[in-house]
PDB file of N, CA and C in Angstrom:
ATOM      1  N   MET A   1       0.836  -1.174   0.000  1.00  0.00           N
ATOM      2  CA  MET A   1       0.000   0.000   0.000  1.00  0.00           C
ATOM      3  C   MET A   1       0.882   1.238   0.000  1.00  0.00           C
ATOM      4  N   LYS A   2       0.563   2.159  -0.865  1.00  0.00           N
ATOM      5  CA  LYS A   2       1.330   3.390  -0.947  1.00  0.00           C
ATOM      6  C   LYS A   2       0.970   4.314   0.194  1.00  0.00           C
ATOM      7  N   GLU A   3       1.941   5.043   0.704  1.00  0.00           N
ATOM      8  CA  GLU A   3       1.735   5.950   1.830  1.00  0.00           C
ATOM      9  C   GLU A   3       0.663   6.994   1.539  1.00  0.00           C
ATOM     10  N   GLU A   4       0.579   7.469   0.288  1.00  0.00           N
ATOM     11  CA  GLU A   4      -0.377   8.530  -0.007  1.00  0.00           C
ATOM     12  C   GLU A   4      -1.788   7.996  -0.258  1.00  0.00           C
ATOM     13  N   GLU A   5      -1.960   6.694  -0.289  1.00  0.00           N
ATOM     14  CA  GLU A   5      -3.277   6.110  -0.542  1.00  0.00           C
ATOM     15  C   GLU A   5      -4.252   6.465   0.584  1.00  0.00           C
ATOM     16  N   THR A   6      -5.440   6.866   0.202  1.00  0.00           N
ATOM     17  CA  THR A   6      -6.494   7.157   1.166  1.00  0.00           C
ATOM     18  C   THR A   6      -7.244   5.864   1.456  1.00  0.00           C
ATOM     19  N   ILE A   7      -7.425   5.581   2.739  1.00  0.00           N
ATOM     20  CA  ILE A   7      -8.118   4.373   3.149  1.00  0.00           C
ATOM     21  C   ILE A   7      -9.615   4.659   3.206  1.00  0.00           C
ATOM     22  N   VAL A   8     -10.398   3.759   2.652  1.00  0.00           N
ATOM     23  CA  VAL A   8     -11.848   3.831   2.757  1.00  0.00           C
ATOM     24  C   VAL A   8     -12.316   2.641   3.585  1.00  0.00           C
ATOM     25  N   LEU A   9     -13.528   2.721   4.097  1.00  0.00           N
ATOM     26  CA  LEU A   9     -14.052   1.701   4.989  1.00  0.00           C
ATOM     27  C   LEU A   9     -13.951   0.301   4.394  1.00  0.00           C
ATOM     28  N   GLU A  10     -14.340   0.137   3.158  1.00  0.00           N
ATOM     29  CA  GLU A  10     -14.317  -1.186   2.538  1.00  0.00           C
ATOM     30  C   GLU A  10     -12.902  -1.764   2.489  1.00  0.00           C
ATOM     31  N   THR A  11     -11.921  -0.915   2.186  1.00  0.00           N
ATOM     32  CA  THR A  11     -10.522  -1.348   2.144  1.00  0.00           C
ATOM     33  C   THR A  11     -10.064  -1.779   3.531  1.00  0.00           C
ATOM     34  N   PHE A  12     -10.419  -0.988   4.544  1.00  0.00           N
ATOM     35  CA  PHE A  12     -10.031  -1.312   5.913  1.00  0.00           C
ATOM     36  C   PHE A  12     -10.658  -2.631   6.353  1.00  0.00           C
ATOM     37  N   LEU A  13     -11.962  -2.794   6.155  1.00  0.00           N
ATOM     38  CA  LEU A  13     -12.640  -4.008   6.593  1.00  0.00           C
ATOM     39  C   LEU A  13     -12.103  -5.242   5.879  1.00  0.00           C
ATOM     40  N   GLU A  14     -11.828  -5.126   4.604  1.00  0.00           N
ATOM     41  CA  GLU A  14     -11.240  -6.251   3.869  1.00  0.00           C
ATOM     42  C   GLU A  14      -9.886  -6.621   4.466  1.00  0.00           C
ATOM     43  N   HIS A  15      -9.090  -5.621   4.789  1.00  0.00           N
ATOM     44  CA  HIS A  15      -7.755  -5.825   5.354  1.00  0.00           C
ATOM     45  C   HIS A  15      -7.828  -6.572   6.690  1.00  0.00           C
ATOM     46  N   VAL A  16      -8.635  -6.049   7.625  1.00  0.00           N
ATOM     47  CA  VAL A  16      -8.684  -6.670   8.955  1.00  0.00           C
ATOM     48  C   VAL A  16      -9.438  -7.989   8.951  1.00  0.00           C
ATOM     49  N   ASN A  17     -10.444  -8.138   8.087  1.00  0.00           N
ATOM     50  CA  ASN A  17     -11.194  -9.393   8.029  1.00  0.00           C
ATOM     51  C   ASN A  17     -10.357 -10.537   7.472  1.00  0.00           C
ATOM     52  N   LYS A  18      -9.290 -10.212   6.764  1.00  0.00           N
ATOM     53  CA  LYS A  18      -8.362 -11.238   6.280  1.00  0.00           C
ATOM     54  C   LYS A  18      -7.251 -11.511   7.289  1.00  0.00           C
ATOM     55  N   GLY A  19      -7.306 -10.839   8.446  1.00  0.00           N
ATOM     56  CA  GLY A  19      -6.315 -11.063   9.496  1.00  0.00           C
ATOM     57  C   GLY A  19      -4.961 -10.441   9.221  1.00  0.00           C
ATOM     58  N   ARG A  20      -4.934  -9.479   8.332  1.00  0.00           N
ATOM     59  CA  ARG A  20      -3.664  -8.820   8.007  1.00  0.00           C
ATOM     60  C   ARG A  20      -3.267  -7.858   9.131  1.00  0.00           C
ATOM     61  N   PRO A  21      -1.979  -7.688   9.356  1.00  0.00           N
ATOM     62  CA  PRO A  21      -1.539  -6.775  10.417  1.00  0.00           C
ATOM     63  C   PRO A  21      -1.762  -5.312  10.025  1.00  0.00           C
ATOM     64  N   VAL A  22      -1.914  -4.491  11.036  1.00  0.00           N
ATOM     65  CA  VAL A  22      -1.990  -3.041  10.845  1.00  0.00           C
ATOM     66  C   VAL A  22      -0.706  -2.472  11.423  1.00  0.00           C
ATOM     67  N   ARG A  23       0.125  -1.955  10.564  1.00  0.00           N
ATOM     68  CA  ARG A  23       1.439  -1.447  10.959  1.00  0.00           C
ATOM     69  C   ARG A  23       1.342  -0.051  11.570  1.00  0.00           C
ATOM     70  N   ALA A  24       2.138   0.191  12.595  1.00  0.00           N
ATOM     71  CA  ALA A  24       2.186   1.513  13.225  1.00  0.00           C
ATOM     72  C   ALA A  24       2.605   2.560  12.207  1.00  0.00           C
ATOM     73  N   ASP A  25       2.033   3.732  12.315  1.00  0.00           N
ATOM     74  CA  ASP A  25       2.342   4.870  11.447  1.00  0.00           C
ATOM     75  C   ASP A  25       1.989   4.660   9.982  1.00  0.00           C
ATOM     76  N   SER A  26       1.116   3.715   9.691  1.00  0.00           N
ATOM     77  CA  SER A  26       0.674   3.499   8.317  1.00  0.00           C
ATOM     78  C   SER A  26      -0.662   4.207   8.094  1.00  0.00           C
ATOM     79  N   PRO A  27      -1.039   4.445   6.846  1.00  0.00           N
ATOM     80  CA  PRO A  27      -2.364   5.012   6.583  1.00  0.00           C
ATOM     81  C   PRO A  27      -3.482   4.127   7.165  1.00  0.00           C
ATOM     82  N   MET A  28      -3.278   2.815   7.151  1.00  0.00           N
ATOM     83  CA  MET A  28      -4.268   1.897   7.708  1.00  0.00           C
ATOM     84  C   MET A  28      -4.432   2.134   9.215  1.00  0.00           C
ATOM     85  N   GLN A  29      -3.333   2.342   9.920  1.00  0.00           N
ATOM     86  CA  GLN A  29      -3.390   2.602  11.363  1.00  0.00           C
ATOM     87  C   GLN A  29      -4.041   3.951  11.632  1.00  0.00           C
ATOM     88  N   GLN A  30      -3.768   4.931  10.816  1.00  0.00           N
ATOM     89  CA  GLN A  30      -4.381   6.249  10.978  1.00  0.00           C
ATOM     90  C   GLN A  30      -5.898   6.158  10.781  1.00  0.00           C
ATOM     91  N   TYR A  31      -6.322   5.386   9.800  1.00  0.00           N
ATOM     92  CA  TYR A  31      -7.752   5.199   9.556  1.00  0.00           C
ATOM     93  C   TYR A  31      -8.397   4.445  10.723  1.00  0.00           C
ATOM     94  N   MET A  32      -7.717   3.419  11.237  1.00  0.00           N
ATOM     95  CA  MET A  32      -8.220   2.650  12.371  1.00  0.00           C
ATOM     96  C   MET A  32      -8.404   3.560  13.585  1.00  0.00           C
ATOM     97  N   THR A  33      -7.469   4.457  13.827  1.00  0.00           N
ATOM     98  CA  THR A  33      -7.566   5.399  14.940  1.00  0.00           C
ATOM     99  C   THR A  33      -8.740   6.347  14.750  1.00  0.00           C
ATOM    100  N   LYS A  34      -8.926   6.834  13.541  1.00  0.00           N
ATOM    101  CA  LYS A  34     -10.050   7.719  13.236  1.00  0.00           C
ATOM    102  C   LYS A  34     -11.377   7.014  13.533  1.00  0.00           C
ATOM    103  N   MET A  35     -11.502   5.770  13.123  1.00  0.00           N
ATOM    104  CA  MET A  35     -12.731   5.019  13.384  1.00  0.00           C
ATOM    105  C   MET A  35     -12.925   4.760  14.871  1.00  0.00           C
ATOM    106  N   ALA A  36     -11.851   4.483  15.595  1.00  0.00           N
ATOM    107  CA  ALA A  36     -11.947   4.238  17.031  1.00  0.00           C
ATOM    108  C   ALA A  36     -12.455   5.485  17.750  1.00  0.00           C
ATOM    109  N   PHE A  37     -11.977   6.662  17.351  1.00  0.00           N
ATOM    110  CA  PHE A  37     -12.441   7.894  17.982  1.00  0.00           C
ATOM    111  C   PHE A  37     -13.897   8.178  17.637  1.00  0.00           C
ATOM    112  N   GLU A  38     -14.314   7.862  16.424  1.00  0.00           N
ATOM    113  CA  GLU A  38     -15.725   8.008  16.059  1.00  0.00           C
ATOM    114  C   GLU A  38     -16.586   7.071  16.920  1.00  0.00           C
ATOM    115  N   ALA A  39     -16.121   5.837  17.105  1.00  0.00           N
ATOM    116  CA  ALA A  39     -16.846   4.887  17.955  1.00  0.00           C
ATOM    117  C   ALA A  39     -16.924   5.383  19.393  1.00  0.00           C
ATOM    118  N   MET A  40     -15.828   5.944  19.912  1.00  0.00           N
ATOM    119  CA  MET A  40     -15.843   6.477  21.281  1.00  0.00           C
ATOM    120  C   MET A  40     -16.853   7.615  21.408  1.00  0.00           C
ATOM    121  N   LYS A  41     -16.927   8.471  20.413  1.00  0.00           N
ATOM    122  CA  LYS A  41     -17.851   9.599  20.449  1.00  0.00           C
ATOM    123  C   LYS A  41     -19.301   9.111  20.511  1.00  0.00           C
ATOM    124  N   ILE A  42     -19.631   8.165  19.661  1.00  0.00           N
ATOM    125  CA  ILE A  42     -21.006   7.664  19.612  1.00  0.00           C
ATOM    126  C   ILE A  42     -21.339   6.866  20.867  1.00  0.00           C
ATOM    127  N   THR A  43     -20.422   6.015  21.332  1.00  0.00           N
ATOM    128  CA  THR A  43     -20.720   5.225  22.532  1.00  0.00           C
ATOM    129  C   THR A  43     -20.779   6.106  23.775  1.00  0.00           C
ATOM    130  N   PHE A  44     -20.020   7.188  23.806  1.00  0.00           N
ATOM    131  CA  PHE A  44     -20.136   8.124  24.925  1.00  0.00           C
ATOM    132  C   PHE A  44     -21.541   8.708  24.953  1.00  0.00           C
ATOM    133  N   GLU A  45     -22.044   9.122  23.817  1.00  0.00           N
ATOM    134  CA  GLU A  45     -23.417   9.643  23.729  1.00  0.00           C
ATOM    135  C   GLU A  45     -24.413   8.565  24.162  1.00  0.00           C
ATOM    136  N   LEU A  46     -24.231   7.365  23.701  1.00  0.00           N
ATOM    137  CA  LEU A  46     -25.125   6.250  24.037  1.00  0.00           C
ATOM    138  C   LEU A  46     -25.141   5.983  25.537  1.00  0.00           C
ATOM    139  N   ASN A  47     -23.980   6.063  26.175  1.00  0.00           N
ATOM    140  CA  ASN A  47     -23.839   5.659  27.571  1.00  0.00           C
ATOM    141  C   ASN A  47     -23.986   6.790  28.581  1.00  0.00           C
ATOM    142  N   SER A  48     -24.019   8.040  28.148  1.00  0.00           N
ATOM    143  CA  SER A  48     -23.915   9.158  29.086  1.00  0.00           C
ATOM    144  C   SER A  48     -25.240   9.653  29.650  1.00  0.00           C
ATOM    145  N   SER A  49     -26.354   9.231  29.068  1.00  0.00           N
ATOM    146  CA  SER A  49     -27.648   9.676  29.590  1.00  0.00           C
ATOM    147  C   SER A  49     -28.729   8.686  29.171  1.00  0.00           C
ATOM    148  N   PHE A  50     -29.910   8.894  29.714  1.00  0.00           N
ATOM    149  CA  PHE A  50     -31.031   8.026  29.375  1.00  0.00           C
ATOM    150  C   PHE A  50     -31.451   8.245  27.933  1.00  0.00           C
ATOM    151  N   HIS A  51     -31.764   7.133  27.249  1.00  0.00           N
ATOM    152  CA  HIS A  51     -32.303   7.187  25.892  1.00  0.00           C
ATOM    153  C   HIS A  51     -33.458   6.204  25.783  1.00  0.00           C
ATOM    154  N   THR A  52     -34.423   6.553  24.971  1.00  0.00           N
ATOM    155  CA  THR A  52     -35.523   5.634  24.685  1.00  0.00           C
ATOM    156  C   THR A  52     -34.987   4.469  23.845  1.00  0.00           C
ATOM    157  N   PRO A  53     -35.735   3.368  23.778  1.00  0.00           N
ATOM    158  CA  PRO A  53     -35.294   2.267  22.907  1.00  0.00           C
ATOM    159  C   PRO A  53     -35.067   2.709  21.456  1.00  0.00           C
ATOM    160  N   GLU A  54     -35.882   3.609  20.975  1.00  0.00           N
ATOM    161  CA  GLU A  54     -35.726   4.096  19.592  1.00  0.00           C
ATOM    162  C   GLU A  54     -34.436   4.898  19.431  1.00  0.00           C
ATOM    163  N   GLU A  55     -34.123   5.731  20.437  1.00  0.00           N
ATOM    164  CA  GLU A  55     -32.884   6.511  20.389  1.00  0.00           C
ATOM    165  C   GLU A  55     -31.660   5.603  20.482  1.00  0.00           C
ATOM    166  N   ILE A  56     -31.741   4.579  21.321  1.00  0.00           N
ATOM    167  CA  ILE A  56     -30.634   3.617  21.444  1.00  0.00           C
ATOM    168  C   ILE A  56     -30.405   2.934  20.105  1.00  0.00           C
ATOM    169  N   ARG A  57     -31.488   2.483  19.480  1.00  0.00           N
ATOM    170  CA  ARG A  57     -31.371   1.809  18.175  1.00  0.00           C
ATOM    171  C   ARG A  57     -30.746   2.751  17.151  1.00  0.00           C
ATOM    172  N   LYS A  58     -31.191   3.990  17.117  1.00  0.00           N
ATOM    173  CA  LYS A  58     -30.655   4.965  16.150  1.00  0.00           C
ATOM    174  C   LYS A  58     -29.148   5.180  16.368  1.00  0.00           C
ATOM    175  N   LEU A  59     -28.723   5.361  17.624  1.00  0.00           N
ATOM    176  CA  LEU A  59     -27.299   5.554  17.920  1.00  0.00           C
ATOM    177  C   LEU A  59     -26.481   4.316  17.571  1.00  0.00           C
ATOM    178  N   PHE A  60     -27.017   3.125  17.898  1.00  0.00           N
ATOM    179  CA  PHE A  60     -26.284   1.889  17.603  1.00  0.00           C
ATOM    180  C   PHE A  60     -26.065   1.739  16.101  1.00  0.00           C
ATOM    181  N   PHE A  61     -27.077   1.998  15.315  1.00  0.00           N
ATOM    182  CA  PHE A  61     -26.919   1.825  13.869  1.00  0.00           C
ATOM    183  C   PHE A  61     -26.166   2.982  13.223  1.00  0.00           C
ATOM    184  N   GLN A  62     -26.113   4.121  13.885  1.00  0.00           N
ATOM    185  CA  GLN A  62     -25.185   5.180  13.451  1.00  0.00           C
ATOM    186  C   GLN A  62     -23.757   4.675  13.651  1.00  0.00           C
ATOM    187  N   LEU A  63     -23.521   4.011  14.769  1.00  0.00           N
ATOM    188  CA  LEU A  63     -22.213   3.443  15.079  1.00  0.00           C
ATOM    189  C   LEU A  63     -21.794   2.402  14.048  1.00  0.00           C
ATOM    190  N   THR A  64     -22.704   1.519  13.672  1.00  0.00           N
ATOM    191  CA  THR A  64     -22.353   0.434  12.753  1.00  0.00           C
ATOM    192  C   THR A  64     -22.366   0.860  11.293  1.00  0.00           C
ATOM    193  N   GLY A  65     -23.102   1.929  10.992  1.00  0.00           N
ATOM    194  CA  GLY A  65     -23.228   2.341   9.593  1.00  0.00           C
ATOM    195  C   GLY A  65     -24.166   1.456   8.794  1.00  0.00           C
ATOM    196  N   GLN A  66     -24.934   0.613   9.482  1.00  0.00           N
ATOM    197  CA  GLN A  66     -25.866  -0.298   8.835  1.00  0.00           C
ATOM    198  C   GLN A  66     -27.290   0.240   8.922  1.00  0.00           C
ATOM    199  N   PRO A  67     -28.192  -0.242   8.064  1.00  0.00           N
ATOM    200  CA  PRO A  67     -29.604   0.159   8.183  1.00  0.00           C
ATOM    201  C   PRO A  67     -30.175  -0.322   9.516  1.00  0.00           C
ATOM    202  N   GLU A  68     -31.080   0.466  10.075  1.00  0.00           N
ATOM    203  CA  GLU A  68     -31.687   0.090  11.352  1.00  0.00           C
ATOM    204  C   GLU A  68     -32.506  -1.187  11.213  1.00  0.00           C
ATOM    205  N   GLU A  69     -32.372  -2.045  12.209  1.00  0.00           N
ATOM    206  CA  GLU A  69     -33.173  -3.262  12.319  1.00  0.00           C
ATOM    207  C   GLU A  69     -34.183  -3.000  13.432  1.00  0.00           C
ATOM    208  N   GLU A  70     -35.457  -2.954  13.102  1.00  0.00           N
ATOM    209  CA  GLU A  70     -36.511  -2.562  14.044  1.00  0.00           C
ATOM    210  C   GLU A  70     -36.638  -3.494  15.247  1.00  0.00           C
ATOM    211  N   THR A  71     -36.189  -4.738  15.125  1.00  0.00           N
ATOM    212  CA  THR A  71     -36.325  -5.691  16.235  1.00  0.00           C
ATOM    213  C   THR A  71     -35.130  -5.661  17.184  1.00  0.00           C
ATOM    214  N   PHE A  72     -34.132  -4.837  16.892  1.00  0.00           N
ATOM    215  CA  PHE A  72     -32.929  -4.730  17.727  1.00  0.00           C
ATOM    216  C   PHE A  72     -33.256  -4.061  19.053  1.00  0.00           C
ATOM    217  N   ARG A  73     -32.658  -4.606  20.142  1.00  0.00           N
ATOM    218  CA  ARG A  73     -32.794  -4.001  21.468  1.00  0.00           C
ATOM    219  C   ARG A  73     -31.450  -4.038  22.181  1.00  0.00           C
ATOM    220  N   MET A  74     -31.214  -3.032  23.031  1.00  0.00           N
ATOM    221  CA  MET A  74     -29.973  -2.970  23.802  1.00  0.00           C
ATOM    222  C   MET A  74     -30.234  -2.279  25.135  1.00  0.00           C
ATOM    223  N   PHE A  75     -29.533  -2.760  26.172  1.00  0.00           N
ATOM    224  CA  PHE A  75     -29.471  -2.070  27.452  1.00  0.00           C
ATOM    225  C   PHE A  75     -28.035  -1.582  27.617  1.00  0.00           C
ATOM    226  N   PRO A  76     -27.774  -0.273  27.460  1.00  0.00           N
ATOM    227  CA  PRO A  76     -26.419   0.238  27.677  1.00  0.00           C
ATOM    228  C   PRO A  76     -26.002   0.078  29.138  1.00  0.00           C
ATOM    229  N   PRO A  77     -24.728   0.202  29.471  1.00  0.00           N
ATOM    230  CA  PRO A  77     -23.663   0.722  28.612  1.00  0.00           C
ATOM    231  C   PRO A  77     -23.123  -0.333  27.641  1.00  0.00           C
ATOM    232  N   PHE A  78     -22.538   0.180  26.577  1.00  0.00           N
ATOM    233  CA  PHE A  78     -21.970  -0.638  25.516  1.00  0.00           C
ATOM    234  C   PHE A  78     -20.747   0.082  24.977  1.00  0.00           C
ATOM    235  N   THR A  79     -19.678  -0.668  24.693  1.00  0.00           N
ATOM    236  CA  THR A  79     -18.494  -0.079  24.053  1.00  0.00           C
ATOM    237  C   THR A  79     -17.983  -1.007  22.965  1.00  0.00           C
ATOM    238  N   THR A  80     -17.228  -0.415  22.063  1.00  0.00           N
ATOM    239  CA  THR A  80     -16.611  -1.156  20.973  1.00  0.00           C
ATOM    240  C   THR A  80     -15.376  -0.402  20.504  1.00  0.00           C
ATOM    241  N   ASP A  81     -14.478  -1.099  19.841  1.00  0.00           N
ATOM    242  CA  ASP A  81     -13.245  -0.471  19.370  1.00  0.00           C
ATOM    243  C   ASP A  81     -13.352   0.062  17.946  1.00  0.00           C
ATOM    244  N   CYS A  82     -14.425  -0.283  17.247  1.00  0.00           N
ATOM    245  CA  CYS A  82     -14.537   0.103  15.846  1.00  0.00           C
ATOM    246  C   CYS A  82     -15.976   0.464  15.488  1.00  0.00           C
ATOM    247  N   GLY A  83     -16.864  -0.480  15.603  1.00  0.00           N
ATOM    248  CA  GLY A  83     -18.276  -0.261  15.313  1.00  0.00           C
ATOM    249  C   GLY A  83     -18.676  -0.617  13.905  1.00  0.00           C
ATOM    250  N   LYS A  84     -17.840  -0.312  12.944  1.00  0.00           N
ATOM    251  CA  LYS A  84     -18.200  -0.503  11.544  1.00  0.00           C
ATOM    252  C   LYS A  84     -18.099  -1.951  11.061  1.00  0.00           C
ATOM    253  N   ASN A  85     -17.637  -2.841  11.918  1.00  0.00           N
ATOM    254  CA  ASN A  85     -17.520  -4.251  11.528  1.00  0.00           C
ATOM    255  C   ASN A  85     -18.473  -5.103  12.369  1.00  0.00           C
ATOM    256  N   ILE A  86     -19.566  -4.489  12.857  1.00  0.00           N
ATOM    257  CA  ILE A  86     -20.617  -5.189  13.590  1.00  0.00           C
ATOM    258  C   ILE A  86     -21.808  -5.358  12.657  1.00  0.00           C
ATOM    259  N   ARG A  87     -22.333  -6.566  12.588  1.00  0.00           N
ATOM    260  CA  ARG A  87     -23.543  -6.859  11.824  1.00  0.00           C
ATOM    261  C   ARG A  87     -24.516  -7.564  12.754  1.00  0.00           C
ATOM    262  N   VAL A  88     -25.747  -7.097  12.794  1.00  0.00           N
ATOM    263  CA  VAL A  88     -26.771  -7.760  13.601  1.00  0.00           C
ATOM    264  C   VAL A  88     -27.962  -8.100  12.717  1.00  0.00           C
ATOM    265  N   GLY A  89     -28.583  -9.229  13.034  1.00  0.00           N
ATOM    266  CA  GLY A  89     -29.775  -9.657  12.322  1.00  0.00           C
ATOM    267  C   GLY A  89     -31.025  -9.307  13.107  1.00  0.00           C
ATOM    268  N   LYS A  90     -32.075 -10.032  12.841  1.00  0.00           N
ATOM    269  CA  LYS A  90     -33.350  -9.804  13.509  1.00  0.00           C
ATOM    270  C   LYS A  90     -33.324 -10.321  14.944  1.00  0.00           C
ATOM    271  N   ASN A  91     -34.070  -9.629  15.799  1.00  0.00           N
ATOM    272  CA  ASN A  91     -34.301 -10.046  17.185  1.00  0.00           C
ATOM    273  C   ASN A  91     -33.032 -10.167  18.021  1.00  0.00           C
ATOM    274  N   VAL A  92     -32.051  -9.325  17.776  1.00  0.00           N
ATOM    275  CA  VAL A  92     -30.822  -9.326  18.566  1.00  0.00           C
ATOM    276  C   VAL A  92     -31.013  -8.426  19.780  1.00  0.00           C
ATOM    277  N   PHE A  93     -30.577  -8.917  20.942  1.00  0.00           N
ATOM    278  CA  PHE A  93     -30.595  -8.156  22.185  1.00  0.00           C
ATOM    279  C   PHE A  93     -29.180  -8.142  22.743  1.00  0.00           C
ATOM    280  N   ILE A  94     -28.655  -6.960  23.036  1.00  0.00           N
ATOM    281  CA  ILE A  94     -27.343  -6.803  23.655  1.00  0.00           C
ATOM    282  C   ILE A  94     -27.576  -6.297  25.068  1.00  0.00           C
ATOM    283  N   ASN A  95     -27.133  -7.078  26.048  1.00  0.00           N
ATOM    284  CA  ASN A  95     -27.377  -6.741  27.441  1.00  0.00           C
ATOM    285  C   ASN A  95     -26.359  -5.733  27.956  1.00  0.00           C
ATOM    286  N   SER A  96     -26.670  -5.165  29.088  1.00  0.00           N
ATOM    287  CA  SER A  96     -25.867  -4.140  29.740  1.00  0.00           C
ATOM    288  C   SER A  96     -24.430  -4.600  29.980  1.00  0.00           C
ATOM    289  N   GLY A  97     -23.485  -3.709  29.680  1.00  0.00           N
ATOM    290  CA  GLY A  97     -22.080  -3.960  29.974  1.00  0.00           C
ATOM    291  C   GLY A  97     -21.309  -4.689  28.896  1.00  0.00           C
ATOM    292  N   CYS A  98     -21.885  -4.889  27.731  1.00  0.00           N
ATOM    293  CA  CYS A  98     -21.162  -5.606  26.663  1.00  0.00           C
ATOM    294  C   CYS A  98     -20.087  -4.728  26.035  1.00  0.00           C
ATOM    295  N   ARG A  99     -18.996  -5.380  25.646  1.00  0.00           N
ATOM    296  CA  ARG A  99     -17.925  -4.736  24.889  1.00  0.00           C
ATOM    297  C   ARG A  99     -17.595  -5.628  23.715  1.00  0.00           C
ATOM    298  N   PHE A 100     -17.630  -5.073  22.516  1.00  0.00           N
ATOM    299  CA  PHE A 100     -17.283  -5.810  21.308  1.00  0.00           C
ATOM    300  C   PHE A 100     -15.916  -5.347  20.822  1.00  0.00           C
ATOM    301  N   GLN A 101     -15.064  -6.290  20.526  1.00  0.00           N
ATOM    302  CA  GLN A 101     -13.808  -6.038  19.806  1.00  0.00           C
ATOM    303  C   GLN A 101     -14.107  -6.452  18.371  1.00  0.00           C
ATOM    304  N   ASP A 102     -14.535  -5.520  17.559  1.00  0.00           N
ATOM    305  CA  ASP A 102     -15.075  -5.896  16.251  1.00  0.00           C
ATOM    306  C   ASP A 102     -14.187  -5.569  15.065  1.00  0.00           C
ATOM    307  N   GLN A 103     -12.960  -5.167  15.290  1.00  0.00           N
ATOM    308  CA  GLN A 103     -12.135  -4.859  14.114  1.00  0.00           C
ATOM    309  C   GLN A 103     -11.956  -6.086  13.227  1.00  0.00           C
ATOM    310  N   GLY A 104     -12.044  -7.258  13.807  1.00  0.00           N
ATOM    311  CA  GLY A 104     -11.999  -8.481  13.018  1.00  0.00           C
ATOM    312  C   GLY A 104     -13.365  -8.999  12.643  1.00  0.00           C
ATOM    313  N   GLY A 105     -14.429  -8.288  13.042  1.00  0.00           N
ATOM    314  CA  GLY A 105     -15.789  -8.655  12.704  1.00  0.00           C
ATOM    315  C   GLY A 105     -16.560  -9.206  13.881  1.00  0.00           C
ATOM    316  N   HIS A 106     -17.821  -8.845  13.960  1.00  0.00           N
ATOM    317  CA  HIS A 106     -18.723  -9.387  14.981  1.00  0.00           C
ATOM    318  C   HIS A 106     -20.095  -9.509  14.334  1.00  0.00           C
ATOM    319  N   TYR A 107     -20.611 -10.732  14.300  1.00  0.00           N
ATOM    320  CA  TYR A 107     -21.874 -11.015  13.633  1.00  0.00           C
ATOM    321  C   TYR A 107     -22.827 -11.674  14.618  1.00  0.00           C
ATOM    322  N   SER A 108     -24.035 -11.109  14.772  1.00  0.00           N
ATOM    323  CA  SER A 108     -25.025 -11.640  15.703  1.00  0.00           C
ATOM    324  C   SER A 108     -26.367 -11.759  14.997  1.00  0.00           C
ATOM    325  N   GLY A 109     -27.087 -12.805  15.348  1.00  0.00           N
ATOM    326  CA  GLY A 109     -28.451 -12.973  14.822  1.00  0.00           C
ATOM    327  C   GLY A 109     -28.477 -13.702  13.513  1.00  0.00           C
ATOM    328  N   ARG A 110     -29.646 -13.624  12.901  1.00  0.00           N
ATOM    329  CA  ARG A 110     -29.864 -14.338  11.629  1.00  0.00           C
ATOM    330  C   ARG A 110     -29.744 -13.415  10.446  1.00  0.00           C
TER     331      ARG A 110
END
């Protein structure tokens, strides 16, 4: 990968889903850090005050970048290191205190 190459989400997910290393000071590491800070921002909002189930669902799917699944439920607090590599199916419930390490992918439900 060339140093000047701009990393996009699809490139990053393909890289980590294949188990490839992320080298320090590389564009891939810079992109990973950017995503981690975005995840921290959204999870801080999710965990810092009361939210209705609809608000929780909206924040969670903002975090994942996926379309909202109406049957999804969660009891915060919740944290993750990436967010963009989480996929949930129908009728998924995430209980209080869960932490996902999803840079390598996390898939729940059908």
